Amino acid sequence: MEISFLIVTKNRPEELQFTLKQLESIFDKTKHEILVFIDGCVETEKLQSQFDWVKWYVSSESISASPARNFLYSKAVGEIFVGLDDDAHLISENPIQTIKKYFEVNTNLGILAFLEIKGLYANPKDKISAIEKEEFLTTEFIGCGFAIRKKVYNQTNGFPQWIDIYGEETCLSIEVLNLDYDILYTNQLAVNHRVDIEKRKLQGKNYFRFQKQLQNSFRIYMVYYRNPFKKIVKLLFHNFKKYALSDRTYFKLYCKAMVNMIVSFYTVFKYRKPIRQITLMRLKQLKMIKY
């Protein structure tokens, strides 16, 4: 099997249906496979009969994004894993051939990070038709569209089970870089992440993301950094000053995150495996992708 397409989905059956139809139009069932993990959503389960060529995995209760990815990726058999969000689809020309070529040419390539085109468009391909080629080695990838070599993924601990959502891509990236593999960003592969930007603006502040990112950043420092104390102090001070002091809801979530850090300390500490100093230096020197 050449490529495994992997999608974790929750409460977005219409978006998943669109993505699967787009994939069906470009992939070869004899050479590729599509695996979908339904993370606690009865409505989405109804799609199984419509797409019987998909390998479905279902959890009656939500286990969250990163543990679901960890489970799903252990079931894939392709030489290359392509990760997509349920509301993201490939819009580049000949994406499968392009992905294969990048991994064939660069034997040290661990992860291929795609360009994310965020928004709702009648023809999203118009957004990439005139862009100039851009590529560079980077620190991580965006989870809505990327590819990773199977043998590289299997050398890591995979997507962490000690994080639920927001931060799992960082963990996998750190482990891949610590193995001396490259993460390459290219805009020659692109996904349309079908997010309603205007609707999100109207929704205002993303309180849920704030709490998750704060407590998960603490966990990442605890697991991967040799001397995490200074990083953690800066993290807490920055978020207290910028968010907790500006908004009562942010303040409450900041306190909840602090409690979570204390309660989960020993559980997270079990996974502690500091990376090499040379990897830390590499993380500081590499260019970051734009979100």
C-alpha atoms as a PDB file:
ATOM      1  CA  MET A   1       0.000   0.000   0.000  1.00  0.00           C
ATOM      2  CA  GLU A   2       1.488   3.347  -1.050  1.00  0.00           C
ATOM      3  CA  ILE A   3      -0.459   5.985   0.903  1.00  0.00           C
ATOM      4  CA  SER A   4      -2.840   5.917   3.873  1.00  0.00           C
ATOM      5  CA  PHE A   5      -5.180   8.907   4.211  1.00  0.00           C
ATOM      6  CA  LEU A   6      -6.126   9.382   7.872  1.00  0.00           C
ATOM      7  CA  ILE A   7      -8.984  11.465   9.259  1.00  0.00           C
ATOM      8  CA  VAL A   8     -10.319  11.883  12.794  1.00  0.00           C
ATOM      9  CA  THR A   9     -13.834  13.316  12.829  1.00  0.00           C
ATOM     10  CA  LYS A  10     -16.281  14.583  15.430  1.00  0.00           C
ATOM     11  CA  ASN A  11     -19.706  16.171  14.950  1.00  0.00           C
ATOM     12  CA  ARG A  12     -19.140  17.256  11.337  1.00  0.00           C
ATOM     13  CA  PRO A  13     -20.753  14.607   9.128  1.00  0.00           C
ATOM     14  CA  GLU A  14     -21.469  16.996   6.239  1.00  0.00           C
ATOM     15  CA  GLU A  15     -17.870  18.227   6.182  1.00  0.00           C
ATOM     16  CA  LEU A  16     -16.520  14.687   6.318  1.00  0.00           C
ATOM     17  CA  GLN A  17     -18.837  13.618   3.496  1.00  0.00           C
ATOM     18  CA  PHE A  18     -17.478  16.442   1.302  1.00  0.00           C
ATOM     19  CA  THR A  19     -13.861  15.537   2.107  1.00  0.00           C
ATOM     20  CA  LEU A  20     -14.369  11.837   1.367  1.00  0.00           C
ATOM     21  CA  LYS A  21     -15.981  12.617  -1.993  1.00  0.00           C
ATOM     22  CA  GLN A  22     -13.006  14.785  -2.897  1.00  0.00           C
ATOM     23  CA  LEU A  23     -10.595  12.015  -1.926  1.00  0.00           C
ATOM     24  CA  GLU A  24     -12.563   9.429  -3.874  1.00  0.00           C
ATOM     25  CA  SER A  25     -12.016  11.446  -7.040  1.00  0.00           C
ATOM     26  CA  ILE A  26      -8.217  11.376  -6.793  1.00  0.00           C
ATOM     27  CA  PHE A  27      -7.126   8.136  -5.150  1.00  0.00           C
ATOM     28  CA  ASP A  28      -6.708   4.564  -6.400  1.00  0.00           C
ATOM     29  CA  LYS A  29      -8.406   2.005  -4.155  1.00  0.00           C
ATOM     30  CA  THR A  30      -5.892  -0.661  -5.201  1.00  0.00           C
ATOM     31  CA  LYS A  31      -2.884   1.421  -4.117  1.00  0.00           C
ATOM     32  CA  HIS A  32      -4.194   3.620  -1.336  1.00  0.00           C
ATOM     33  CA  GLU A  33      -6.431   3.383   1.717  1.00  0.00           C
ATOM     34  CA  ILE A  34      -8.593   5.790   3.701  1.00  0.00           C
ATOM     35  CA  LEU A  35      -9.057   5.348   7.440  1.00  0.00           C
ATOM     36  CA  VAL A  36     -11.555   7.373   9.476  1.00  0.00           C
ATOM     37  CA  PHE A  37     -11.961   7.454  13.252  1.00  0.00           C
ATOM     38  CA  ILE A  38     -15.384   8.619  14.464  1.00  0.00           C
ATOM     39  CA  ASP A  39     -14.785  10.216  17.845  1.00  0.00           C
ATOM     40  CA  GLY A  40     -18.123   9.818  19.583  1.00  0.00           C
ATOM     41  CA  CYS A  41     -20.687  10.993  17.013  1.00  0.00           C
ATOM     42  CA  VAL A  42     -23.742   8.871  16.180  1.00  0.00           C
ATOM     43  CA  GLU A  43     -24.755  11.050  13.209  1.00  0.00           C
ATOM     44  CA  THR A  44     -21.410  10.507  11.518  1.00  0.00           C
ATOM     45  CA  GLU A  45     -21.745   6.738  11.878  1.00  0.00           C
ATOM     46  CA  LYS A  46     -24.534   6.845   9.289  1.00  0.00           C
ATOM     47  CA  LEU A  47     -21.949   7.628   6.601  1.00  0.00           C
ATOM     48  CA  GLN A  48     -20.371   4.186   6.873  1.00  0.00           C
ATOM     49  CA  SER A  49     -22.780   2.553   4.428  1.00  0.00           C
ATOM     50  CA  GLN A  50     -22.313   5.366   1.878  1.00  0.00           C
ATOM     51  CA  PHE A  51     -18.519   4.984   1.881  1.00  0.00           C
ATOM     52  CA  ASP A  52     -18.040   1.266   2.333  1.00  0.00           C
ATOM     53  CA  TRP A  53     -14.508   1.421   0.876  1.00  0.00           C
ATOM     54  CA  VAL A  54     -13.367   3.445   3.892  1.00  0.00           C
ATOM     55  CA  LYS A  55     -11.874   1.624   6.886  1.00  0.00           C
ATOM     56  CA  TRP A  56     -14.010   2.899   9.729  1.00  0.00           C
ATOM     57  CA  TYR A  57     -13.162   2.921  13.423  1.00  0.00           C
ATOM     58  CA  VAL A  58     -15.770   4.083  15.915  1.00  0.00           C
ATOM     59  CA  SER A  59     -15.661   5.143  19.542  1.00  0.00           C
ATOM     60  CA  SER A  60     -19.045   5.487  21.216  1.00  0.00           C
ATOM     61  CA  GLU A  61     -17.543   8.071  23.574  1.00  0.00           C
ATOM     62  CA  SER A  62     -15.179  10.874  22.605  1.00  0.00           C
ATOM     63  CA  ILE A  63     -11.524  10.195  23.425  1.00  0.00           C
ATOM     64  CA  SER A  64     -10.327  13.473  21.834  1.00  0.00           C
ATOM     65  CA  ALA A  65      -8.172  14.249  18.823  1.00  0.00           C
ATOM     66  CA  SER A  66      -4.652  13.196  19.788  1.00  0.00           C
ATOM     67  CA  PRO A  67      -5.513   9.803  21.362  1.00  0.00           C
ATOM     68  CA  ALA A  68      -7.808   9.131  18.379  1.00  0.00           C
ATOM     69  CA  ARG A  69      -4.968   9.884  15.968  1.00  0.00           C
ATOM     70  CA  ASN A  70      -2.643   7.677  17.990  1.00  0.00           C
ATOM     71  CA  PHE A  71      -5.058   4.773  17.617  1.00  0.00           C
ATOM     72  CA  LEU A  72      -5.865   5.384  13.946  1.00  0.00           C
ATOM     73  CA  TYR A  73      -2.270   5.754  12.781  1.00  0.00           C
ATOM     74  CA  SER A  74      -1.389   2.409  14.366  1.00  0.00           C
ATOM     75  CA  LYS A  75      -3.867   0.754  11.972  1.00  0.00           C
ATOM     76  CA  ALA A  76      -2.505   2.281   8.735  1.00  0.00           C
ATOM     77  CA  VAL A  77      -0.309   0.220   6.412  1.00  0.00           C
ATOM     78  CA  GLY A  78       0.719   2.727   3.726  1.00  0.00           C
ATOM     79  CA  GLU A  79       4.359   3.718   3.265  1.00  0.00           C
ATOM     80  CA  ILE A  80       3.264   7.344   3.634  1.00  0.00           C
ATOM     81  CA  PHE A  81       0.586   8.660   5.998  1.00  0.00           C
ATOM     82  CA  VAL A  82      -1.399  11.717   4.873  1.00  0.00           C
ATOM     83  CA  GLY A  83      -3.250  13.431   7.696  1.00  0.00           C
ATOM     84  CA  LEU A  84      -6.302  15.572   6.959  1.00  0.00           C
ATOM     85  CA  ASP A  85      -8.956  17.276   9.045  1.00  0.00           C
ATOM     86  CA  ASP A  86     -12.542  16.298   8.306  1.00  0.00           C
ATOM     87  CA  ASP A  87     -13.133  19.823   6.940  1.00  0.00           C
ATOM     88  CA  ALA A  88     -10.010  19.998   4.761  1.00  0.00           C
ATOM     89  CA  HIS A  89      -9.329  18.647   1.281  1.00  0.00           C
ATOM     90  CA  LEU A  90      -6.391  18.629  -1.129  1.00  0.00           C
ATOM     91  CA  ILE A  91      -6.528  21.285  -3.859  1.00  0.00           C
ATOM     92  CA  SER A  92      -3.130  20.938  -5.555  1.00  0.00           C
ATOM     93  CA  GLU A  93      -2.770  19.373  -8.981  1.00  0.00           C
ATOM     94  CA  ASN A  94      -1.736  15.707  -8.853  1.00  0.00           C
ATOM     95  CA  PRO A  95      -1.237  15.722  -5.070  1.00  0.00           C
ATOM     96  CA  ILE A  96      -0.560  11.995  -4.702  1.00  0.00           C
ATOM     97  CA  GLN A  97       2.199  11.987  -7.314  1.00  0.00           C
ATOM     98  CA  THR A  98       3.689  15.134  -5.797  1.00  0.00           C
ATOM     99  CA  ILE A  99       3.725  13.712  -2.276  1.00  0.00           C
ATOM    100  CA  LYS A 100       5.392  10.497  -3.449  1.00  0.00           C
ATOM    101  CA  LYS A 101       8.027  12.431  -5.413  1.00  0.00           C
ATOM    102  CA  TYR A 102       9.060  14.538  -2.411  1.00  0.00           C
ATOM    103  CA  PHE A 103       9.638  11.469  -0.259  1.00  0.00           C
ATOM    104  CA  GLU A 104      11.427   9.594  -3.039  1.00  0.00           C
ATOM    105  CA  VAL A 105      13.839  12.452  -3.749  1.00  0.00           C
ATOM    106  CA  ASN A 106      14.654  13.296  -0.107  1.00  0.00           C
ATOM    107  CA  THR A 107      15.420  10.172   1.927  1.00  0.00           C
ATOM    108  CA  ASN A 108      15.870  12.254   5.101  1.00  0.00           C
ATOM    109  CA  LEU A 109      12.422  13.794   4.810  1.00  0.00           C
ATOM    110  CA  GLY A 110      10.290  12.891   7.812  1.00  0.00           C
ATOM    111  CA  ILE A 111       7.295  15.210   7.494  1.00  0.00           C
ATOM    112  CA  LEU A 112       5.946  17.235   4.579  1.00  0.00           C
ATOM    113  CA  ALA A 113       3.968  20.272   5.752  1.00  0.00           C
ATOM    114  CA  PHE A 114       1.299  21.568   3.348  1.00  0.00           C
ATOM    115  CA  LEU A 115       0.079  25.082   2.683  1.00  0.00           C
ATOM    116  CA  GLU A 116      -3.226  25.790   4.447  1.00  0.00           C
ATOM    117  CA  ILE A 117      -5.755  27.895   2.529  1.00  0.00           C
ATOM    118  CA  LYS A 118      -8.273  28.826   5.183  1.00  0.00           C
ATOM    119  CA  GLY A 119     -11.790  29.948   4.247  1.00  0.00           C
ATOM    120  CA  LEU A 120     -14.853  29.149   2.148  1.00  0.00           C
ATOM    121  CA  TYR A 121     -14.333  29.586  -1.603  1.00  0.00           C
ATOM    122  CA  ALA A 122     -16.299  28.639  -4.707  1.00  0.00           C
ATOM    123  CA  ASN A 123     -13.033  27.564  -6.341  1.00  0.00           C
ATOM    124  CA  PRO A 124     -10.187  27.353  -3.797  1.00  0.00           C
ATOM    125  CA  LYS A 125      -7.705  26.324  -6.515  1.00  0.00           C
ATOM    126  CA  ASP A 126      -7.767  29.944  -7.690  1.00  0.00           C
ATOM    127  CA  LYS A 127      -6.003  30.861  -4.438  1.00  0.00           C
ATOM    128  CA  ILE A 128      -2.903  28.858  -5.370  1.00  0.00           C
ATOM    129  CA  SER A 129      -2.835  29.254  -9.156  1.00  0.00           C
ATOM    130  CA  ALA A 130      -0.529  32.297  -9.189  1.00  0.00           C
ATOM    131  CA  ILE A 131       1.620  31.829  -6.077  1.00  0.00           C
ATOM    132  CA  GLU A 132       5.383  31.532  -6.382  1.00  0.00           C
ATOM    133  CA  LYS A 133       7.049  28.364  -5.164  1.00  0.00           C
ATOM    134  CA  GLU A 134       8.123  28.513  -1.521  1.00  0.00           C
ATOM    135  CA  GLU A 135       9.891  25.795   0.450  1.00  0.00           C
ATOM    136  CA  PHE A 136      11.939  25.733   3.640  1.00  0.00           C
ATOM    137  CA  LEU A 137      12.854  23.441   6.515  1.00  0.00           C
ATOM    138  CA  THR A 138      10.618  24.200   9.476  1.00  0.00           C
ATOM    139  CA  THR A 139       9.830  23.343  13.091  1.00  0.00           C
ATOM    140  CA  GLU A 140       6.428  21.717  12.707  1.00  0.00           C
ATOM    141  CA  PHE A 141       3.313  21.241  10.575  1.00  0.00           C
ATOM    142  CA  ILE A 142      -0.369  22.111  10.572  1.00  0.00           C
ATOM    143  CA  GLY A 143      -2.540  19.106  11.385  1.00  0.00           C
ATOM    144  CA  CYS A 144      -5.211  19.805   8.773  1.00  0.00           C
ATOM    145  CA  GLY A 145      -2.830  18.810   5.964  1.00  0.00           C
ATOM    146  CA  PHE A 146       0.524  17.016   6.098  1.00  0.00           C
ATOM    147  CA  ALA A 147       2.330  13.794   5.183  1.00  0.00           C
ATOM    148  CA  ILE A 148       4.710  11.682   7.259  1.00  0.00           C
ATOM    149  CA  ARG A 149       6.807   8.695   6.319  1.00  0.00           C
ATOM    150  CA  LYS A 150       5.498   5.574   8.080  1.00  0.00           C
ATOM    151  CA  LYS A 151       8.903   4.326   9.173  1.00  0.00           C
ATOM    152  CA  VAL A 152       9.608   7.732  10.733  1.00  0.00           C
ATOM    153  CA  TYR A 153       6.270   7.851  12.536  1.00  0.00           C
ATOM    154  CA  ASN A 154       6.902   4.364  13.935  1.00  0.00           C
ATOM    155  CA  GLN A 155      10.232   5.510  15.418  1.00  0.00           C
ATOM    156  CA  THR A 156       8.415   8.127  17.493  1.00  0.00           C
ATOM    157  CA  ASN A 157       5.858   7.643  20.247  1.00  0.00           C
ATOM    158  CA  GLY A 158       3.218   8.765  17.765  1.00  0.00           C
ATOM    159  CA  PHE A 159       0.610  11.356  18.584  1.00  0.00           C
ATOM    160  CA  PRO A 160       0.682  11.688  22.383  1.00  0.00           C
ATOM    161  CA  GLN A 161      -2.014  10.178  24.557  1.00  0.00           C
ATOM    162  CA  TRP A 162      -1.141  12.610  27.346  1.00  0.00           C
ATOM    163  CA  ILE A 163      -2.529  15.527  25.298  1.00  0.00           C
ATOM    164  CA  ASP A 164      -6.142  15.727  24.151  1.00  0.00           C
ATOM    165  CA  ILE A 165      -6.181  18.506  21.545  1.00  0.00           C
ATOM    166  CA  TYR A 166      -4.044  21.545  20.576  1.00  0.00           C
ATOM    167  CA  GLY A 167      -0.381  20.652  20.848  1.00  0.00           C
ATOM    168  CA  GLU A 168      -0.167  17.133  19.440  1.00  0.00           C
ATOM    169  CA  GLU A 169       1.455  18.315  16.191  1.00  0.00           C
ATOM    170  CA  THR A 170       4.196  20.046  18.203  1.00  0.00           C
ATOM    171  CA  CYS A 171       4.949  16.839  20.105  1.00  0.00           C
ATOM    172  CA  LEU A 172       5.273  14.722  16.979  1.00  0.00           C
ATOM    173  CA  SER A 173       7.400  17.391  15.279  1.00  0.00           C
ATOM    174  CA  ILE A 174       9.813  17.566  18.218  1.00  0.00           C
ATOM    175  CA  GLU A 175      10.272  13.801  18.203  1.00  0.00           C
ATOM    176  CA  VAL A 176      10.835  13.691  14.442  1.00  0.00           C
ATOM    177  CA  LEU A 177      13.461  16.453  14.610  1.00  0.00           C
ATOM    178  CA  ASN A 178      15.103  14.736  17.575  1.00  0.00           C
ATOM    179  CA  LEU A 179      15.595  11.691  15.322  1.00  0.00           C
ATOM    180  CA  ASP A 180      17.489  13.950  12.870  1.00  0.00           C
ATOM    181  CA  TYR A 181      14.811  13.863  10.185  1.00  0.00           C
ATOM    182  CA  ASP A 182      13.658  16.989   8.327  1.00  0.00           C
ATOM    183  CA  ILE A 183      10.288  18.722   8.282  1.00  0.00           C
ATOM    184  CA  LEU A 184       9.823  20.479   4.956  1.00  0.00           C
ATOM    185  CA  TYR A 185       7.166  23.083   4.269  1.00  0.00           C
ATOM    186  CA  THR A 186       6.066  23.460   0.657  1.00  0.00           C
ATOM    187  CA  ASN A 187       3.273  25.447  -0.940  1.00  0.00           C
ATOM    188  CA  GLN A 188       3.309  22.996  -3.850  1.00  0.00           C
ATOM    189  CA  LEU A 189       0.897  20.933  -1.771  1.00  0.00           C
ATOM    190  CA  ALA A 190      -2.128  22.722  -0.404  1.00  0.00           C
ATOM    191  CA  VAL A 191      -5.335  22.000   1.447  1.00  0.00           C
ATOM    192  CA  ASN A 192      -8.443  24.107   1.647  1.00  0.00           C
ATOM    193  CA  HIS A 193      -9.374  24.232   5.324  1.00  0.00           C
ATOM    194  CA  ARG A 194     -13.043  25.050   4.981  1.00  0.00           C
ATOM    195  CA  VAL A 195     -13.371  27.338   7.994  1.00  0.00           C
ATOM    196  CA  ASP A 196     -15.939  30.122   8.028  1.00  0.00           C
ATOM    197  CA  ILE A 197     -13.561  32.923   9.019  1.00  0.00           C
ATOM    198  CA  GLU A 198     -16.270  35.573   9.364  1.00  0.00           C
ATOM    199  CA  LYS A 199     -18.325  33.318  11.614  1.00  0.00           C
ATOM    200  CA  ARG A 200     -15.310  32.703  13.826  1.00  0.00           C
ATOM    201  CA  LYS A 201     -14.703  36.435  14.095  1.00  0.00           C
ATOM    202  CA  LEU A 202     -18.282  36.920  15.265  1.00  0.00           C
ATOM    203  CA  GLN A 203     -17.827  34.205  17.866  1.00  0.00           C
ATOM    204  CA  GLY A 204     -15.068  36.291  19.402  1.00  0.00           C
ATOM    205  CA  LYS A 205     -12.516  34.947  21.838  1.00  0.00           C
ATOM    206  CA  ASN A 206     -11.682  31.265  21.761  1.00  0.00           C
ATOM    207  CA  TYR A 207     -11.767  30.433  25.440  1.00  0.00           C
ATOM    208  CA  PHE A 208     -11.650  26.674  24.919  1.00  0.00           C
ATOM    209  CA  ARG A 209      -8.450  26.876  22.867  1.00  0.00           C
ATOM    210  CA  PHE A 210      -6.831  29.199  25.421  1.00  0.00           C
ATOM    211  CA  GLN A 211      -7.131  26.759  28.308  1.00  0.00           C
ATOM    212  CA  LYS A 212      -6.090  23.730  26.263  1.00  0.00           C
ATOM    213  CA  GLN A 213      -3.051  25.429  24.757  1.00  0.00           C
ATOM    214  CA  LEU A 214      -1.917  26.779  28.124  1.00  0.00           C
ATOM    215  CA  GLN A 215      -2.014  23.472  29.973  1.00  0.00           C
ATOM    216  CA  ASN A 216      -0.659  21.517  27.004  1.00  0.00           C
ATOM    217  CA  SER A 217       2.269  23.911  26.564  1.00  0.00           C
ATOM    218  CA  PHE A 218       3.135  23.179  30.194  1.00  0.00           C
ATOM    219  CA  ARG A 219       3.029  19.450  29.448  1.00  0.00           C
ATOM    220  CA  ILE A 220       5.241  19.804  26.370  1.00  0.00           C
ATOM    221  CA  TYR A 221       7.890  21.668  28.372  1.00  0.00           C
ATOM    222  CA  MET A 222       7.713  19.068  31.145  1.00  0.00           C
ATOM    223  CA  VAL A 223       8.131  16.129  28.773  1.00  0.00           C
ATOM    224  CA  TYR A 224      10.683  17.371  26.240  1.00  0.00           C
ATOM    225  CA  TYR A 225      12.813  20.097  27.874  1.00  0.00           C
ATOM    226  CA  ARG A 226      15.776  19.291  30.125  1.00  0.00           C
ATOM    227  CA  ASN A 227      15.327  22.435  32.194  1.00  0.00           C
ATOM    228  CA  PRO A 228      11.656  23.375  31.766  1.00  0.00           C
ATOM    229  CA  PHE A 229      11.305  25.677  34.806  1.00  0.00           C
ATOM    230  CA  LYS A 230      12.268  28.939  33.075  1.00  0.00           C
ATOM    231  CA  LYS A 231      10.052  28.137  30.074  1.00  0.00           C
ATOM    232  CA  ILE A 232       7.092  27.367  32.330  1.00  0.00           C
ATOM    233  CA  VAL A 233       7.517  30.580  34.355  1.00  0.00           C
ATOM    234  CA  LYS A 234       7.586  32.646  31.140  1.00  0.00           C
ATOM    235  CA  LEU A 235       4.539  30.779  29.837  1.00  0.00           C
ATOM    236  CA  LEU A 236       2.518  31.437  32.974  1.00  0.00           C
ATOM    237  CA  PHE A 237       3.579  35.087  33.283  1.00  0.00           C
ATOM    238  CA  HIS A 238       2.846  35.861  29.622  1.00  0.00           C
ATOM    239  CA  ASN A 239      -0.613  34.295  29.690  1.00  0.00           C
ATOM    240  CA  PHE A 240      -1.493  35.871  33.027  1.00  0.00           C
ATOM    241  CA  LYS A 241      -0.498  39.333  31.841  1.00  0.00           C
ATOM    242  CA  LYS A 242      -1.959  39.126  28.335  1.00  0.00           C
ATOM    243  CA  TYR A 243      -5.149  37.151  29.001  1.00  0.00           C
ATOM    244  CA  ALA A 244      -6.007  36.507  32.653  1.00  0.00           C
ATOM    245  CA  LEU A 245      -5.799  40.188  33.625  1.00  0.00           C
ATOM    246  CA  SER A 246      -7.894  41.312  30.656  1.00  0.00           C
ATOM    247  CA  ASP A 247     -10.992  39.172  31.008  1.00  0.00           C
ATOM    248  CA  ARG A 248     -12.819  37.462  33.895  1.00  0.00           C
ATOM    249  CA  THR A 249     -13.494  34.320  31.858  1.00  0.00           C
ATOM    250  CA  TYR A 250      -9.849  34.113  30.837  1.00  0.00           C
ATOM    251  CA  PHE A 251      -8.887  34.474  34.500  1.00  0.00           C
ATOM    252  CA  LYS A 252     -11.129  31.571  35.528  1.00  0.00           C
ATOM    253  CA  LEU A 253      -9.771  29.382  32.719  1.00  0.00           C
ATOM    254  CA  TYR A 254      -6.210  30.354  33.662  1.00  0.00           C
ATOM    255  CA  CYS A 255      -6.892  29.123  37.194  1.00  0.00           C
ATOM    256  CA  LYS A 256      -8.459  25.914  35.880  1.00  0.00           C
ATOM    257  CA  ALA A 257      -5.402  25.321  33.716  1.00  0.00           C
ATOM    258  CA  MET A 258      -3.152  25.834  36.734  1.00  0.00           C
ATOM    259  CA  VAL A 259      -5.142  23.252  38.688  1.00  0.00           C
ATOM    260  CA  ASN A 260      -4.902  20.853  35.744  1.00  0.00           C
ATOM    261  CA  MET A 261      -1.109  21.293  35.651  1.00  0.00           C
ATOM    262  CA  ILE A 262      -0.855  20.389  39.340  1.00  0.00           C
ATOM    263  CA  VAL A 263      -3.250  17.449  39.226  1.00  0.00           C
ATOM    264  CA  SER A 264      -1.735  15.938  36.075  1.00  0.00           C
ATOM    265  CA  PHE A 265       1.900  16.551  37.037  1.00  0.00           C
ATOM    266  CA  TYR A 266       2.863  13.017  38.011  1.00  0.00           C
ATOM    267  CA  THR A 267       0.912  11.462  35.135  1.00  0.00           C
ATOM    268  CA  VAL A 268       2.682  13.677  32.613  1.00  0.00           C
ATOM    269  CA  PHE A 269       6.041  13.217  34.335  1.00  0.00           C
ATOM    270  CA  LYS A 270       5.905   9.490  33.506  1.00  0.00           C
ATOM    271  CA  TYR A 271       6.284  10.397  29.833  1.00  0.00           C
ATOM    272  CA  ARG A 272       9.261  12.668  30.418  1.00  0.00           C
ATOM    273  CA  LYS A 273      11.976  12.125  27.803  1.00  0.00           C
ATOM    274  CA  PRO A 274      14.062  15.284  27.290  1.00  0.00           C
ATOM    275  CA  ILE A 275      15.360  15.894  23.784  1.00  0.00           C
ATOM    276  CA  ARG A 276      18.977  16.568  22.864  1.00  0.00           C
ATOM    277  CA  GLN A 277      20.511  20.020  23.169  1.00  0.00           C
ATOM    278  CA  ILE A 278      21.259  20.001  19.447  1.00  0.00           C
ATOM    279  CA  THR A 279      17.535  19.565  18.750  1.00  0.00           C
ATOM    280  CA  LEU A 280      16.706  22.545  20.973  1.00  0.00           C
ATOM    281  CA  MET A 281      19.207  24.633  19.014  1.00  0.00           C
ATOM    282  CA  ARG A 282      17.690  23.429  15.766  1.00  0.00           C
ATOM    283  CA  LEU A 283      14.206  24.447  16.928  1.00  0.00           C
ATOM    284  CA  LYS A 284      15.489  27.966  17.586  1.00  0.00           C
ATOM    285  CA  GLN A 285      17.178  28.248  14.187  1.00  0.00           C
ATOM    286  CA  LEU A 286      14.503  26.808  11.898  1.00  0.00           C
ATOM    287  CA  LYS A 287      11.884  29.037  10.304  1.00  0.00           C
ATOM    288  CA  MET A 288       8.332  28.629  11.586  1.00  0.00           C
ATOM    289  CA  ILE A 289       5.335  28.266   9.303  1.00  0.00           C
ATOM    290  CA  LYS A 290       2.511  30.793   9.362  1.00  0.00           C
ATOM    291  CA  TYR A 291      -0.811  29.756  10.900  1.00  0.00           C
END
